[in-house]
């Protein structure tokens, strides 16, 4: 078994449902973090996060989560998801396990506002 720590990044340039990460063949993924930054200084922006299984069933992980202008959040943080990650009501990231061929998809309310980084341990 090989363990590889890596990351996947996206600038959400449009409002389409976007594939952020697909678990490679013969791999189990432990997603450690999904960090999102709203780079727009004027507008808040909502983000939605989904996990799609091998039967193409989409499971909502976050729905219309507000990312305030000029802030960052950890989407996998436990606690009150309406709070920013530096808030005391939100703890550190809670890992998400994804199986071979499962897909993490994201969607932004506004184009060009959000930058996303997914950090993962891939076990092959």
Protein backbone atom coordinates (compact mmCIF):
# COMPACT_ATOMS: atom_id res chain seq x y z
CA UNK A 1 0.00 0.00 0.00
CA UNK A 2 1.25 3.43 -0.95
CA UNK A 3 0.17 6.61 0.82
CA UNK A 4 0.32 9.84 -1.15
CA UNK A 5 -0.53 13.26 0.24
CA UNK A 6 -1.62 15.67 -2.49
CA UNK A 7 -4.03 18.48 -3.30
CA UNK A 8 -6.40 19.55 -6.04
CA UNK A 9 -7.28 23.15 -6.80
CA UNK A 10 -9.99 25.06 -8.66
CA UNK A 11 -10.87 28.66 -9.42
CA UNK A 12 -14.64 28.63 -9.90
CA UNK A 13 -14.73 30.75 -13.04
CA UNK A 14 -18.44 30.11 -13.66
CA UNK A 15 -21.55 28.95 -11.84
CA UNK A 16 -21.62 25.45 -13.36
CA UNK A 17 -21.43 22.29 -11.25
CA UNK A 18 -17.70 21.57 -11.36
CA UNK A 19 -15.73 18.39 -10.67
CA UNK A 20 -13.06 19.19 -8.09
CA UNK A 21 -11.75 15.66 -7.49
CA UNK A 22 -12.29 12.10 -8.69
CA UNK A 23 -10.86 9.27 -6.59
CA UNK A 24 -8.38 7.34 -8.77
CA UNK A 25 -8.76 3.63 -9.58
CA UNK A 26 -7.81 1.19 -6.83
CA UNK A 27 -7.64 4.05 -4.32
CA UNK A 28 -9.35 5.07 -1.11
CA UNK A 29 -9.20 8.80 -0.42
CA UNK A 30 -9.18 10.44 2.97
CA UNK A 31 -10.08 14.02 2.22
CA UNK A 32 -8.51 16.03 5.02
CA UNK A 33 -9.59 19.53 4.04
CA UNK A 34 -11.62 21.53 1.54
CA UNK A 35 -10.55 25.13 1.98
CA UNK A 36 -12.41 27.89 0.14
CA UNK A 37 -11.50 31.57 -0.17
CA UNK A 38 -13.79 34.31 -1.42
CA UNK A 39 -11.41 36.64 -3.25
CA UNK A 40 -14.14 39.16 -4.07
CA UNK A 41 -13.82 42.24 -1.85
CA UNK A 42 -17.41 43.37 -2.50
CA UNK A 43 -19.73 40.35 -2.63
CA UNK A 44 -20.52 37.31 -0.49
CA UNK A 45 -20.83 34.06 -2.44
CA UNK A 46 -22.59 30.77 -1.70
CA UNK A 47 -20.98 27.41 -2.38
CA UNK A 48 -22.52 23.94 -2.57
CA UNK A 49 -20.54 20.71 -2.18
CA UNK A 50 -21.56 17.21 -3.30
CA UNK A 51 -20.19 13.67 -3.21
CA UNK A 52 -21.28 11.55 -6.18
CA UNK A 53 -21.01 7.77 -5.78
CA UNK A 54 -20.37 5.13 -8.44
CA UNK A 55 -24.13 4.79 -9.07
CA UNK A 56 -24.23 8.52 -9.97
CA UNK A 57 -26.20 9.29 -6.81
CA UNK A 58 -25.36 12.78 -5.56
CA UNK A 59 -25.13 13.36 -1.81
CA UNK A 60 -25.22 16.94 -0.57
CA UNK A 61 -22.41 17.77 1.87
CA UNK A 62 -23.01 21.55 1.93
CA UNK A 63 -25.91 23.43 0.40
CA UNK A 64 -25.70 27.16 -0.30
CA UNK A 65 -23.07 27.80 2.36
CA UNK A 66 -22.31 31.50 2.52
CA UNK A 67 -18.68 32.53 2.14
CA UNK A 68 -18.40 36.15 3.16
CA UNK A 69 -16.46 38.57 0.96
CA UNK A 70 -12.73 38.53 1.63
CA UNK A 71 -12.85 35.51 3.97
CA UNK A 72 -11.85 31.86 3.96
CA UNK A 73 -13.63 28.79 5.34
CA UNK A 74 -12.99 25.12 5.87
CA UNK A 75 -15.92 23.24 4.30
CA UNK A 76 -15.27 20.04 6.27
CA UNK A 77 -15.19 21.80 9.65
CA UNK A 78 -17.39 20.30 12.33
CA UNK A 79 -19.79 22.58 14.14
CA UNK A 80 -22.01 25.39 12.95
CA UNK A 81 -21.42 25.67 9.20
CA UNK A 82 -22.79 29.19 9.16
CA UNK A 83 -19.75 30.36 11.11
CA UNK A 84 -16.39 31.21 9.58
CA UNK A 85 -13.57 28.82 10.39
CA UNK A 86 -11.92 31.18 12.87
CA UNK A 87 -15.12 31.27 14.95
CA UNK A 88 -14.97 29.34 18.22
CA UNK A 89 -18.16 27.45 17.30
CA UNK A 90 -16.39 25.67 14.46
CA UNK A 91 -13.67 23.11 15.11
CA UNK A 92 -10.95 21.70 12.89
CA UNK A 93 -11.67 19.78 9.71
CA UNK A 94 -13.39 16.40 9.95
CA UNK A 95 -12.01 13.98 7.32
CA UNK A 96 -14.24 12.60 4.59
CA UNK A 97 -13.60 9.11 3.20
CA UNK A 98 -14.30 8.58 -0.50
CA UNK A 99 -14.05 5.32 -2.44
CA UNK A 100 -12.65 4.52 -5.87
CA UNK A 101 -14.33 6.52 -8.66
CA UNK A 102 -16.37 8.71 -6.33
CA UNK A 103 -16.43 12.39 -7.29
CA UNK A 104 -16.39 15.62 -5.28
CA UNK A 105 -18.29 18.36 -7.09
CA UNK A 106 -18.70 22.03 -6.21
CA UNK A 107 -20.82 24.91 -7.42
CA UNK A 108 -20.50 28.64 -6.79
CA UNK A 109 -23.27 31.20 -6.76
CA UNK A 110 -21.08 33.80 -8.54
CA UNK A 111 -18.36 33.37 -11.16
CA UNK A 112 -14.74 34.21 -10.32
CA UNK A 113 -15.32 34.72 -6.58
CA UNK A 114 -14.13 31.43 -5.07
CA UNK A 115 -10.82 29.58 -4.97
CA UNK A 116 -10.91 26.02 -3.58
CA UNK A 117 -8.13 23.67 -2.40
CA UNK A 118 -8.85 20.04 -1.51
CA UNK A 119 -6.15 18.22 0.49
CA UNK A 120 -6.25 14.43 0.42
CA UNK A 121 -4.41 11.30 1.48
CA UNK A 122 -4.69 8.73 -1.31
CA UNK A 123 -4.20 5.11 -0.26
CA UNK A 124 -3.50 2.68 -3.09
